[in-house]
């Protein structure tokens, strides 16, 4: 029986998803991983896609140019939320199903957002560079307490950010084209 060939173009798949990789392999799949540590170009994809059945895609481009040379390709599972690197209309034409992982990285992005907010108000990048040059700049910085944080959009990630900011005693406002008033009220977001 032929093994299903799954190309993984997402980086760090074995590290982040060792259990998923094992599950694929235990169920008759050959997993071909990204050895580049970055997205593939079309020229780099060409020799890899001729006999693949599925892709766990990073941010490389998946369009008709690739679909034409991947006749066995039946599914692209985007390793993340966004599918803007995949030509969805052409994928449909070629009979390729496209999936993604809504919320899969929401907590990581929310934590990074909080970290970046703190880095900005406390001037951490500039102070770090100064310390590396041997200086100890005195910088008072700004506290988050009492400040107003604006959230553009109020989906999964913004809601997690709002939940995590609760302990900082901030005021939060959000704009969303399709507001979730109930969730905003629950999270004290105006």
Foldseek 3Di string as FASTA:
>chain_A
DAAAEEEEQAAPCCPVPVVVVVVSVVVRYDYHYHPPRDGDEPVRCQVPQQDHAEYAYEQAAAEPVSLVNRLNHAEYEDAADDDPSYPVVVCVVSNHHYHYDVPPCLLVVLVVVVVVVCCVQQVVVVQVVCVVVVDRDDDPGDAQAAEEDEAEACPSNNLSNLQVCPVRNYAYEYDHPDDPVVSCVVSNYD
